Structure formats: structure tokens, C-alpha cells
């Protein structure tokens, strides 16, 4: 009995999973506002964002973690404060031709 096991493209699955995480992170108005504030200010501290978003620090940390897990922002700790900046390479990649090519039949 010779059964063939169907092959599954694992690389495509992992690629889709990676993008799913990034787009889920972007699919929230508060997180989009956080990204906009970082864009405007260059870098932000939690204390800067907490006032602007009118969110308790625990909720803000939750949103920042989602953005960090999606690799859309970077964190640098200085003393007791954490500062966040955009991860330009990841954001530029999301807006690039390279990603669009996954959905073009050429």
C-alpha cells in the first residue's frame, strides 16, 4: 500500500500567520492613534500617551504589547521609563509591493 501524504506549504502558512498578527494589531482605533502619535512625536513614553488617550496605564500597556508583538513598534528602556518608536522597516514592508505580490496573479 503506497499512500502519498499531501504536502503543505508551511512557509506560506507562517507568512500568512505573521501578516494576520500585524493586521489585527492595526485593526483598532486606539492602536492606530498610538501609531499616529509616535509618527508625530518621533518617540513617546507611556506617560505621554496615557494623557492623550485618556486610558489607564494597564490598558495602554496592553495595546503597546500588541503593537510590539506584531513588530510594528520598538521599545527602549531608559531608567524606569520605556520609550516607543515606529519600526519603520516593518511598517514600510506592510505598505510595499512585496506584500501586494502575494495577492497578484502574474
PDB file of N, CA and C in Angstrom:
ATOM      1  N   UNK A   1       0.834  -1.185   0.000  1.00  0.00           N
ATOM      2  CA  UNK A   1       0.000   0.000   0.000  1.00  0.00           C
ATOM      3  C   UNK A   1       0.879   1.250   0.000  1.00  0.00           C
ATOM      4  N   UNK A   2       0.769   2.023  -1.040  1.00  0.00           N
ATOM      5  CA  UNK A   2       1.604   3.201  -1.177  1.00  0.00           C
ATOM      6  C   UNK A   2       0.739   4.454  -1.139  1.00  0.00           C
ATOM      7  N   UNK A   3       0.631   5.059   0.033  1.00  0.00           N
ATOM      8  CA  UNK A   3      -0.156   6.281   0.184  1.00  0.00           C
ATOM      9  C   UNK A   3       0.764   7.484   0.100  1.00  0.00           C
ATOM     10  N   UNK A   4       0.315   8.469  -0.613  1.00  0.00           N
ATOM     11  CA  UNK A   4       1.074   9.711  -0.664  1.00  0.00           C
ATOM     12  C   UNK A   4       0.482  10.690   0.328  1.00  0.00           C
ATOM     13  N   UNK A   5       1.362  11.310   1.067  1.00  0.00           N
ATOM     14  CA  UNK A   5       0.927  12.328   2.027  1.00  0.00           C
ATOM     15  C   UNK A   5       0.959  13.668   1.311  1.00  0.00           C
ATOM     16  N   UNK A   6      -0.164  14.372   1.317  1.00  0.00           N
ATOM     17  CA  UNK A   6      -0.165  15.673   0.637  1.00  0.00           C
ATOM     18  C   UNK A   6       0.780  16.651   1.340  1.00  0.00           C
ATOM     19  N   UNK A   7       1.512  17.369   0.550  1.00  0.00           N
ATOM     20  CA  UNK A   7       2.437  18.359   1.095  1.00  0.00           C
ATOM     21  C   UNK A   7       1.706  19.662   1.377  1.00  0.00           C
ATOM     22  N   UNK A   8       2.114  20.279   2.431  1.00  0.00           N
ATOM     23  CA  UNK A   8       1.523  21.553   2.820  1.00  0.00           C
ATOM     24  C   UNK A   8       2.631  22.593   2.818  1.00  0.00           C
ATOM     25  N   UNK A   9       2.358  23.742   2.259  1.00  0.00           N
ATOM     26  CA  UNK A   9       3.353  24.808   2.197  1.00  0.00           C
ATOM     27  C   UNK A   9       3.420  25.517   3.548  1.00  0.00           C
ATOM     28  N   UNK A  10       4.334  25.067   4.382  1.00  0.00           N
ATOM     29  CA  UNK A  10       4.476  25.626   5.730  1.00  0.00           C
ATOM     30  C   UNK A  10       4.938  27.074   5.667  1.00  0.00           C
ATOM     31  N   UNK A  11       5.796  27.397   4.730  1.00  0.00           N
ATOM     32  CA  UNK A  11       6.294  28.773   4.640  1.00  0.00           C
ATOM     33  C   UNK A  11       5.159  29.744   4.339  1.00  0.00           C
ATOM     34  N   UNK A  12       4.208  29.336   3.521  1.00  0.00           N
ATOM     35  CA  UNK A  12       3.076  30.191   3.216  1.00  0.00           C
ATOM     36  C   UNK A  12       2.188  30.361   4.450  1.00  0.00           C
ATOM     37  N   UNK A  13       1.989  29.277   5.188  1.00  0.00           N
ATOM     38  CA  UNK A  13       1.210  29.356   6.434  1.00  0.00           C
ATOM     39  C   UNK A  13       1.848  30.314   7.424  1.00  0.00           C
ATOM     40  N   UNK A  14       3.152  30.217   7.593  1.00  0.00           N
ATOM     41  CA  UNK A  14       3.820  31.098   8.556  1.00  0.00           C
ATOM     42  C   UNK A  14       3.806  32.542   8.073  1.00  0.00           C
ATOM     43  N   UNK A  15       3.886  32.742   6.767  1.00  0.00           N
ATOM     44  CA  UNK A  15       3.802  34.095   6.214  1.00  0.00           C
ATOM     45  C   UNK A  15       2.430  34.696   6.486  1.00  0.00           C
ATOM     46  N   UNK A  16       1.386  33.926   6.227  1.00  0.00           N
ATOM     47  CA  UNK A  16       0.024  34.418   6.474  1.00  0.00           C
ATOM     48  C   UNK A  16      -0.198  34.683   7.962  1.00  0.00           C
ATOM     49  N   UNK A  17       0.326  33.828   8.804  1.00  0.00           N
ATOM     50  CA  UNK A  17       0.178  34.000  10.255  1.00  0.00           C
ATOM     51  C   UNK A  17       0.849  35.292  10.720  1.00  0.00           C
ATOM     52  N   UNK A  18       2.023  35.555  10.176  1.00  0.00           N
ATOM     53  CA  UNK A  18       2.754  36.776  10.515  1.00  0.00           C
ATOM     54  C   UNK A  18       1.950  38.017  10.125  1.00  0.00           C
ATOM     55  N   UNK A  19       1.406  38.011   8.924  1.00  0.00           N
ATOM     56  CA  UNK A  19       0.624  39.169   8.476  1.00  0.00           C
ATOM     57  C   UNK A  19      -0.698  39.287   9.216  1.00  0.00           C
ATOM     58  N   UNK A  20      -1.280  38.174   9.579  1.00  0.00           N
ATOM     59  CA  UNK A  20      -2.521  38.218  10.344  1.00  0.00           C
ATOM     60  C   UNK A  20      -2.306  38.965  11.663  1.00  0.00           C
ATOM     61  N   UNK A  21      -1.206  38.678  12.331  1.00  0.00           N
ATOM     62  CA  UNK A  21      -0.887  39.341  13.596  1.00  0.00           C
ATOM     63  C   UNK A  21      -0.711  40.851  13.386  1.00  0.00           C
ATOM     64  N   UNK A  22      -0.039  41.213  12.310  1.00  0.00           N
ATOM     65  CA  UNK A  22       0.203  42.634  12.043  1.00  0.00           C
ATOM     66  C   UNK A  22      -1.101  43.374  11.708  1.00  0.00           C
ATOM     67  N   UNK A  23      -1.926  42.764  10.885  1.00  0.00           N
ATOM     68  CA  UNK A  23      -3.170  43.439  10.511  1.00  0.00           C
ATOM     69  C   UNK A  23      -4.171  43.471  11.660  1.00  0.00           C
ATOM     70  N   UNK A  24      -4.161  42.460  12.512  1.00  0.00           N
ATOM     71  CA  UNK A  24      -5.010  42.505  13.707  1.00  0.00           C
ATOM     72  C   UNK A  24      -4.572  43.653  14.610  1.00  0.00           C
ATOM     73  N   UNK A  25      -3.274  43.859  14.708  1.00  0.00           N
ATOM     74  CA  UNK A  25      -2.767  44.963  15.534  1.00  0.00           C
ATOM     75  C   UNK A  25      -3.212  46.312  14.975  1.00  0.00           C
ATOM     76  N   UNK A  26      -3.313  46.404  13.667  1.00  0.00           N
ATOM     77  CA  UNK A  26      -3.720  47.659  13.029  1.00  0.00           C
ATOM     78  C   UNK A  26      -5.236  47.862  13.037  1.00  0.00           C
ATOM     79  N   UNK A  27      -5.988  46.809  13.328  1.00  0.00           N
ATOM     80  CA  UNK A  27      -7.448  46.868  13.227  1.00  0.00           C
ATOM     81  C   UNK A  27      -8.092  47.379  14.518  1.00  0.00           C
ATOM     82  N   UNK A  28      -7.532  48.428  15.075  1.00  0.00           N
ATOM     83  CA  UNK A  28      -8.072  49.000  16.306  1.00  0.00           C
ATOM     84  C   UNK A  28      -7.782  50.495  16.295  1.00  0.00           C
ATOM     85  N   UNK A  29      -8.791  51.310  16.564  1.00  0.00           N
ATOM     86  CA  UNK A  29      -8.616  52.763  16.504  1.00  0.00           C
ATOM     87  C   UNK A  29      -7.614  53.278  17.527  1.00  0.00           C
ATOM     88  N   UNK A  30      -7.607  52.708  18.717  1.00  0.00           N
ATOM     89  CA  UNK A  30      -6.670  53.175  19.745  1.00  0.00           C
ATOM     90  C   UNK A  30      -5.230  52.895  19.324  1.00  0.00           C
ATOM     91  N   UNK A  31      -5.003  51.712  18.763  1.00  0.00           N
ATOM     92  CA  UNK A  31      -3.643  51.389  18.322  1.00  0.00           C
ATOM     93  C   UNK A  31      -3.235  52.233  17.118  1.00  0.00           C
ATOM     94  N   UNK A  32      -4.177  52.527  16.240  1.00  0.00           N
ATOM     95  CA  UNK A  32      -3.862  53.432  15.123  1.00  0.00           C
ATOM     96  C   UNK A  32      -3.521  54.820  15.649  1.00  0.00           C
ATOM     97  N   UNK A  33      -4.229  55.267  16.678  1.00  0.00           N
ATOM     98  CA  UNK A  33      -3.936  56.568  17.280  1.00  0.00           C
ATOM     99  C   UNK A  33      -2.546  56.558  17.923  1.00  0.00           C
ATOM    100  N   UNK A  34      -2.205  55.449  18.580  1.00  0.00           N
ATOM    101  CA  UNK A  34      -0.860  55.325  19.173  1.00  0.00           C
ATOM    102  C   UNK A  34       0.197  55.434  18.086  1.00  0.00           C
ATOM    103  N   UNK A  35       0.010  54.715  16.982  1.00  0.00           N
ATOM    104  CA  UNK A  35       0.970  54.794  15.874  1.00  0.00           C
ATOM    105  C   UNK A  35       1.051  56.209  15.314  1.00  0.00           C
ATOM    106  N   UNK A  36      -0.086  56.874  15.225  1.00  0.00           N
ATOM    107  CA  UNK A  36      -0.097  58.254  14.732  1.00  0.00           C
ATOM    108  C   UNK A  36       0.679  59.172  15.686  1.00  0.00           C
ATOM    109  N   UNK A  37       0.477  59.008  16.977  1.00  0.00           N
ATOM    110  CA  UNK A  37       1.201  59.839  17.948  1.00  0.00           C
ATOM    111  C   UNK A  37       2.706  59.602  17.871  1.00  0.00           C
ATOM    112  N   UNK A  38       3.102  58.348  17.726  1.00  0.00           N
ATOM    113  CA  UNK A  38       4.533  58.046  17.595  1.00  0.00           C
ATOM    114  C   UNK A  38       5.078  58.669  16.321  1.00  0.00           C
ATOM    115  N   UNK A  39       4.285  58.625  15.245  1.00  0.00           N
ATOM    116  CA  UNK A  39       4.703  59.242  13.983  1.00  0.00           C
ATOM    117  C   UNK A  39       4.910  60.744  14.168  1.00  0.00           C
ATOM    118  N   UNK A  40       3.966  61.382  14.831  1.00  0.00           N
ATOM    119  CA  UNK A  40       4.034  62.833  15.034  1.00  0.00           C
ATOM    120  C   UNK A  40       5.190  63.235  15.945  1.00  0.00           C
ATOM    121  N   UNK A  41       5.429  62.462  17.010  1.00  0.00           N
ATOM    122  CA  UNK A  41       6.403  62.845  18.023  1.00  0.00           C
ATOM    123  C   UNK A  41       7.782  62.210  17.837  1.00  0.00           C
ATOM    124  N   UNK A  42       7.879  61.198  17.008  1.00  0.00           N
ATOM    125  CA  UNK A  42       9.161  60.515  16.819  1.00  0.00           C
ATOM    126  C   UNK A  42       9.356  59.383  17.803  1.00  0.00           C
ATOM    127  N   UNK A  43       9.152  59.666  19.067  1.00  0.00           N
ATOM    128  CA  UNK A  43       9.153  58.636  20.101  1.00  0.00           C
ATOM    129  C   UNK A  43       8.246  59.113  21.219  1.00  0.00           C
ATOM    130  N   UNK A  44       7.657  58.169  21.914  1.00  0.00           N
ATOM    131  CA  UNK A  44       6.754  58.528  23.009  1.00  0.00           C
ATOM    132  C   UNK A  44       7.012  57.642  24.212  1.00  0.00           C
ATOM    133  N   UNK A  45       6.682  58.203  25.348  1.00  0.00           N
ATOM    134  CA  UNK A  45       6.722  57.494  26.615  1.00  0.00           C
ATOM    135  C   UNK A  45       5.284  57.143  26.978  1.00  0.00           C
ATOM    136  N   UNK A  46       5.098  56.128  27.782  1.00  0.00           N
ATOM    137  CA  UNK A  46       3.754  55.755  28.219  1.00  0.00           C
ATOM    138  C   UNK A  46       3.054  56.949  28.865  1.00  0.00           C
ATOM    139  N   UNK A  47       3.807  57.731  29.625  1.00  0.00           N
ATOM    140  CA  UNK A  47       3.204  58.890  30.300  1.00  0.00           C
ATOM    141  C   UNK A  47       2.653  59.896  29.288  1.00  0.00           C
ATOM    142  N   UNK A  48       3.306  60.045  28.134  1.00  0.00           N
ATOM    143  CA  UNK A  48       2.813  60.950  27.081  1.00  0.00           C
ATOM    144  C   UNK A  48       1.501  60.434  26.495  1.00  0.00           C
ATOM    145  N   UNK A  49       1.447  59.141  26.257  1.00  0.00           N
ATOM    146  CA  UNK A  49       0.275  58.549  25.613  1.00  0.00           C
ATOM    147  C   UNK A  49      -0.921  58.440  26.550  1.00  0.00           C
ATOM    148  N   UNK A  50      -0.653  58.182  27.799  1.00  0.00           N
ATOM    149  CA  UNK A  50      -1.725  57.986  28.771  1.00  0.00           C
ATOM    150  C   UNK A  50      -2.643  59.201  28.835  1.00  0.00           C
ATOM    151  N   UNK A  51      -2.059  60.394  28.831  1.00  0.00           N
ATOM    152  CA  UNK A  51      -2.863  61.622  28.868  1.00  0.00           C
ATOM    153  C   UNK A  51      -3.652  61.813  27.580  1.00  0.00           C
ATOM    154  N   UNK A  52      -3.007  61.590  26.449  1.00  0.00           N
ATOM    155  CA  UNK A  52      -3.659  61.822  25.160  1.00  0.00           C
ATOM    156  C   UNK A  52      -4.790  60.842  24.876  1.00  0.00           C
ATOM    157  N   UNK A  53      -4.630  59.595  25.308  1.00  0.00           N
ATOM    158  CA  UNK A  53      -5.639  58.570  25.035  1.00  0.00           C
ATOM    159  C   UNK A  53      -6.686  58.459  26.143  1.00  0.00           C
ATOM    160  N   UNK A  54      -6.414  59.091  27.263  1.00  0.00           N
ATOM    161  CA  UNK A  54      -7.311  59.002  28.418  1.00  0.00           C
ATOM    162  C   UNK A  54      -7.573  57.535  28.770  1.00  0.00           C
ATOM    163  N   UNK A  55      -6.488  56.776  28.861  1.00  0.00           N
ATOM    164  CA  UNK A  55      -6.548  55.357  29.201  1.00  0.00           C
ATOM    165  C   UNK A  55      -5.696  55.110  30.434  1.00  0.00           C
ATOM    166  N   UNK A  56      -6.123  54.194  31.291  1.00  0.00           N
ATOM    167  CA  UNK A  56      -5.232  53.804  32.385  1.00  0.00           C
ATOM    168  C   UNK A  56      -3.994  53.113  31.816  1.00  0.00           C
ATOM    169  N   UNK A  57      -2.907  53.150  32.570  1.00  0.00           N
ATOM    170  CA  UNK A  57      -1.645  52.605  32.072  1.00  0.00           C
ATOM    171  C   UNK A  57      -1.756  51.111  31.745  1.00  0.00           C
ATOM    172  N   UNK A  58      -2.571  50.376  32.476  1.00  0.00           N
ATOM    173  CA  UNK A  58      -2.699  48.938  32.206  1.00  0.00           C
ATOM    174  C   UNK A  58      -3.290  48.680  30.826  1.00  0.00           C
ATOM    175  N   UNK A  59      -4.316  49.436  30.438  1.00  0.00           N
ATOM    176  CA  UNK A  59      -4.929  49.273  29.106  1.00  0.00           C
ATOM    177  C   UNK A  59      -3.967  49.721  28.015  1.00  0.00           C
ATOM    178  N   UNK A  60      -3.272  50.817  28.269  1.00  0.00           N
ATOM    179  CA  UNK A  60      -2.301  51.321  27.302  1.00  0.00           C
ATOM    180  C   UNK A  60      -1.181  50.301  27.093  1.00  0.00           C
ATOM    181  N   UNK A  61      -0.716  49.701  28.170  1.00  0.00           N
ATOM    182  CA  UNK A  61       0.332  48.679  28.067  1.00  0.00           C
ATOM    183  C   UNK A  61      -0.142  47.486  27.242  1.00  0.00           C
ATOM    184  N   UNK A  62      -1.408  47.138  27.380  1.00  0.00           N
ATOM    185  CA  UNK A  62      -1.996  46.049  26.595  1.00  0.00           C
ATOM    186  C   UNK A  62      -1.904  46.365  25.096  1.00  0.00           C
ATOM    187  N   UNK A  63      -2.286  47.576  24.710  1.00  0.00           N
ATOM    188  CA  UNK A  63      -2.244  47.969  23.300  1.00  0.00           C
ATOM    189  C   UNK A  63      -0.802  48.047  22.798  1.00  0.00           C
ATOM    190  N   UNK A  64       0.101  48.562  23.615  1.00  0.00           N
ATOM    191  CA  UNK A  64       1.502  48.647  23.219  1.00  0.00           C
ATOM    192  C   UNK A  64       2.099  47.251  23.028  1.00  0.00           C
ATOM    193  N   UNK A  65       1.712  46.313  23.881  1.00  0.00           N
ATOM    194  CA  UNK A  65       2.218  44.942  23.748  1.00  0.00           C
ATOM    195  C   UNK A  65       1.755  44.317  22.430  1.00  0.00           C
ATOM    196  N   UNK A  66       0.516  44.547  22.061  1.00  0.00           N
ATOM    197  CA  UNK A  66       0.021  44.011  20.786  1.00  0.00           C
ATOM    198  C   UNK A  66       0.816  44.591  19.622  1.00  0.00           C
ATOM    199  N   UNK A  67       1.086  45.886  19.663  1.00  0.00           N
ATOM    200  CA  UNK A  67       1.875  46.523  18.600  1.00  0.00           C
ATOM    201  C   UNK A  67       3.313  46.006  18.599  1.00  0.00           C
ATOM    202  N   UNK A  68       3.863  45.762  19.785  1.00  0.00           N
ATOM    203  CA  UNK A  68       5.230  45.222  19.852  1.00  0.00           C
ATOM    204  C   UNK A  68       5.281  43.777  19.378  1.00  0.00           C
ATOM    205  N   UNK A  69       4.282  42.970  19.773  1.00  0.00           N
ATOM    206  CA  UNK A  69       4.252  41.570  19.333  1.00  0.00           C
ATOM    207  C   UNK A  69       4.124  41.468  17.815  1.00  0.00           C
ATOM    208  N   UNK A  70       3.468  42.447  17.215  1.00  0.00           N
ATOM    209  CA  UNK A  70       3.338  42.486  15.758  1.00  0.00           C
ATOM    210  C   UNK A  70       4.563  43.135  15.111  1.00  0.00           C
ATOM    211  N   UNK A  71       5.520  43.536  15.930  1.00  0.00           N
ATOM    212  CA  UNK A  71       6.778  44.154  15.481  1.00  0.00           C
ATOM    213  C   UNK A  71       6.559  45.480  14.755  1.00  0.00           C
ATOM    214  N   UNK A  72       5.481  46.184  15.101  1.00  0.00           N
ATOM    215  CA  UNK A  72       5.207  47.474  14.463  1.00  0.00           C
ATOM    216  C   UNK A  72       5.854  48.636  15.207  1.00  0.00           C
ATOM    217  N   UNK A  73       6.167  48.423  16.493  1.00  0.00           N
ATOM    218  CA  UNK A  73       6.867  49.439  17.264  1.00  0.00           C
ATOM    219  C   UNK A  73       8.044  48.781  17.987  1.00  0.00           C
ATOM    220  N   UNK A  74       8.979  49.621  18.386  1.00  0.00           N
ATOM    221  CA  UNK A  74      10.156  49.173  19.131  1.00  0.00           C
ATOM    222  C   UNK A  74      10.163  49.867  20.481  1.00  0.00           C
ATOM    223  N   UNK A  75      10.715  49.197  21.485  1.00  0.00           N
ATOM    224  CA  UNK A  75      10.757  49.748  22.836  1.00  0.00           C
ATOM    225  C   UNK A  75      12.195  49.884  23.286  1.00  0.00           C
ATOM    226  N   UNK A  76      12.502  51.022  23.895  1.00  0.00           N
ATOM    227  CA  UNK A  76      13.814  51.243  24.501  1.00  0.00           C
ATOM    228  C   UNK A  76      13.576  51.693  25.934  1.00  0.00           C
ATOM    229  N   UNK A  77      14.185  51.003  26.871  1.00  0.00           N
ATOM    230  CA  UNK A  77      14.029  51.344  28.281  1.00  0.00           C
ATOM    231  C   UNK A  77      15.195  52.216  28.716  1.00  0.00           C
ATOM    232  N   UNK A  78      14.854  53.348  29.316  1.00  0.00           N
ATOM    233  CA  UNK A  78      15.856  54.261  29.879  1.00  0.00           C
ATOM    234  C   UNK A  78      15.474  54.530  31.321  1.00  0.00           C
ATOM    235  N   UNK A  79      16.241  53.972  32.222  1.00  0.00           N
ATOM    236  CA  UNK A  79      15.910  54.107  33.639  1.00  0.00           C
ATOM    237  C   UNK A  79      14.617  53.364  33.923  1.00  0.00           C
ATOM    238  N   UNK A  80      13.639  54.079  34.457  1.00  0.00           N
ATOM    239  CA  UNK A  80      12.358  53.441  34.781  1.00  0.00           C
ATOM    240  C   UNK A  80      11.323  53.632  33.680  1.00  0.00           C
ATOM    241  N   UNK A  81      11.645  54.410  32.659  1.00  0.00           N
ATOM    242  CA  UNK A  81      10.677  54.715  31.598  1.00  0.00           C
ATOM    243  C   UNK A  81      10.963  53.922  30.338  1.00  0.00           C
ATOM    244  N   UNK A  82       9.911  53.583  29.635  1.00  0.00           N
ATOM    245  CA  UNK A  82      10.033  52.920  28.330  1.00  0.00           C
ATOM    246  C   UNK A  82       9.592  53.900  27.256  1.00  0.00           C
ATOM    247  N   UNK A  83      10.383  53.972  26.190  1.00  0.00           N
ATOM    248  CA  UNK A  83      10.098  54.862  25.068  1.00  0.00           C
ATOM    249  C   UNK A  83       9.846  54.016  23.826  1.00  0.00           C
ATOM    250  N   UNK A  84       8.865  54.417  23.060  1.00  0.00           N
ATOM    251  CA  UNK A  84       8.433  53.653  21.894  1.00  0.00           C
ATOM    252  C   UNK A  84       8.666  54.447  20.622  1.00  0.00           C
ATOM    253  N   UNK A  85       9.153  53.746  19.599  1.00  0.00           N
ATOM    254  CA  UNK A  85       9.345  54.335  18.279  1.00  0.00           C
ATOM    255  C   UNK A  85       8.733  53.386  17.250  1.00  0.00           C
ATOM    256  N   UNK A  86       8.506  53.912  16.057  1.00  0.00           N
ATOM    257  CA  UNK A  86       7.988  53.077  14.977  1.00  0.00           C
ATOM    258  C   UNK A  86       9.077  52.147  14.479  1.00  0.00           C
ATOM    259  N   UNK A  87       8.685  50.954  14.096  1.00  0.00           N
ATOM    260  CA  UNK A  87       9.587  50.042  13.412  1.00  0.00           C
ATOM    261  C   UNK A  87       9.370  50.280  11.918  1.00  0.00           C
ATOM    262  N   UNK A  88      10.109  51.229  11.391  1.00  0.00           N
ATOM    263  CA  UNK A  88       9.893  51.678  10.011  1.00  0.00           C
ATOM    264  C   UNK A  88      10.037  50.550   8.994  1.00  0.00           C
ATOM    265  N   UNK A  89      10.975  49.649   9.209  1.00  0.00           N
ATOM    266  CA  UNK A  89      11.164  48.582   8.215  1.00  0.00           C
ATOM    267  C   UNK A  89       9.924  47.697   8.130  1.00  0.00           C
ATOM    268  N   UNK A  90       9.305  47.379   9.257  1.00  0.00           N
ATOM    269  CA  UNK A  90       8.089  46.551   9.229  1.00  0.00           C
ATOM    270  C   UNK A  90       6.908  47.313   8.639  1.00  0.00           C
ATOM    271  N   UNK A  91       6.737  48.558   9.037  1.00  0.00           N
ATOM    272  CA  UNK A  91       5.624  49.348   8.512  1.00  0.00           C
ATOM    273  C   UNK A  91       5.779  49.583   7.012  1.00  0.00           C
ATOM    274  N   UNK A  92       6.991  49.872   6.574  1.00  0.00           N
ATOM    275  CA  UNK A  92       7.222  50.067   5.143  1.00  0.00           C
ATOM    276  C   UNK A  92       6.968  48.768   4.374  1.00  0.00           C
ATOM    277  N   UNK A  93       7.318  47.654   4.984  1.00  0.00           N
ATOM    278  CA  UNK A  93       7.079  46.359   4.324  1.00  0.00           C
ATOM    279  C   UNK A  93       5.582  46.103   4.156  1.00  0.00           C
ATOM    280  N   UNK A  94       4.782  46.467   5.155  1.00  0.00           N
ATOM    281  CA  UNK A  94       3.334  46.272   5.047  1.00  0.00           C
ATOM    282  C   UNK A  94       2.735  47.093   3.918  1.00  0.00           C
ATOM    283  N   UNK A  95       3.366  48.187   3.589  1.00  0.00           N
ATOM    284  CA  UNK A  95       2.865  49.074   2.550  1.00  0.00           C
ATOM    285  C   UNK A  95       3.580  48.849   1.217  1.00  0.00           C
ATOM    286  N   UNK A  96       4.364  47.798   1.131  1.00  0.00           N
ATOM    287  CA  UNK A  96       5.235  47.621  -0.033  1.00  0.00           C
ATOM    288  C   UNK A  96       4.627  46.772  -1.130  1.00  0.00           C
ATOM    289  N   UNK A  97       5.267  46.821  -2.274  1.00  0.00           N
ATOM    290  CA  UNK A  97       4.926  45.977  -3.421  1.00  0.00           C
ATOM    291  C   UNK A  97       5.113  44.500  -3.089  1.00  0.00           C
ATOM    292  N   UNK A  98       6.106  44.219  -2.237  1.00  0.00           N
ATOM    293  CA  UNK A  98       6.415  42.838  -1.897  1.00  0.00           C
ATOM    294  C   UNK A  98       5.204  42.137  -1.287  1.00  0.00           C
ATOM    295  N   UNK A  99       4.497  42.801  -0.379  1.00  0.00           N
ATOM    296  CA  UNK A  99       3.314  42.213   0.218  1.00  0.00           C
ATOM    297  C   UNK A  99       2.191  42.108  -0.822  1.00  0.00           C
ATOM    298  N   UNK A 100       2.034  43.125  -1.601  1.00  0.00           N
ATOM    299  CA  UNK A 100       0.971  43.112  -2.616  1.00  0.00           C
ATOM    300  C   UNK A 100       1.148  41.969  -3.596  1.00  0.00           C
ATOM    301  N   UNK A 101       2.374  41.557  -3.833  1.00  0.00           N
ATOM    302  CA  UNK A 101       2.649  40.472  -4.778  1.00  0.00           C
ATOM    303  C   UNK A 101       2.069  39.136  -4.319  1.00  0.00           C
ATOM    304  N   UNK A 102       1.824  38.982  -3.026  1.00  0.00           N
ATOM    305  CA  UNK A 102       1.197  37.755  -2.547  1.00  0.00           C
ATOM    306  C   UNK A 102      -0.207  37.595  -3.122  1.00  0.00           C
ATOM    307  N   UNK A 103      -0.801  38.699  -3.535  1.00  0.00           N
ATOM    308  CA  UNK A 103      -2.196  38.674  -3.984  1.00  0.00           C
ATOM    309  C   UNK A 103      -2.373  39.073  -5.440  1.00  0.00           C
ATOM    310  N   UNK A 104      -1.288  38.974  -6.207  1.00  0.00           N
ATOM    311  CA  UNK A 104      -1.366  39.232  -7.643  1.00  0.00           C
ATOM    312  C   UNK A 104      -1.103  37.934  -8.382  1.00  0.00           C
ATOM    313  N   UNK A 105      -1.908  37.715  -9.386  1.00  0.00           N
ATOM    314  CA  UNK A 105      -1.703  36.508 -10.189  1.00  0.00           C
ATOM    315  C   UNK A 105      -1.020  36.925 -11.484  1.00  0.00           C
ATOM    316  N   UNK A 106       0.265  36.929 -11.438  1.00  0.00           N
ATOM    317  CA  UNK A 106       1.042  37.317 -12.627  1.00  0.00           C
ATOM    318  C   UNK A 106       2.136  36.333 -12.887  1.00  0.00           C
TER     319      UNK A 106
END
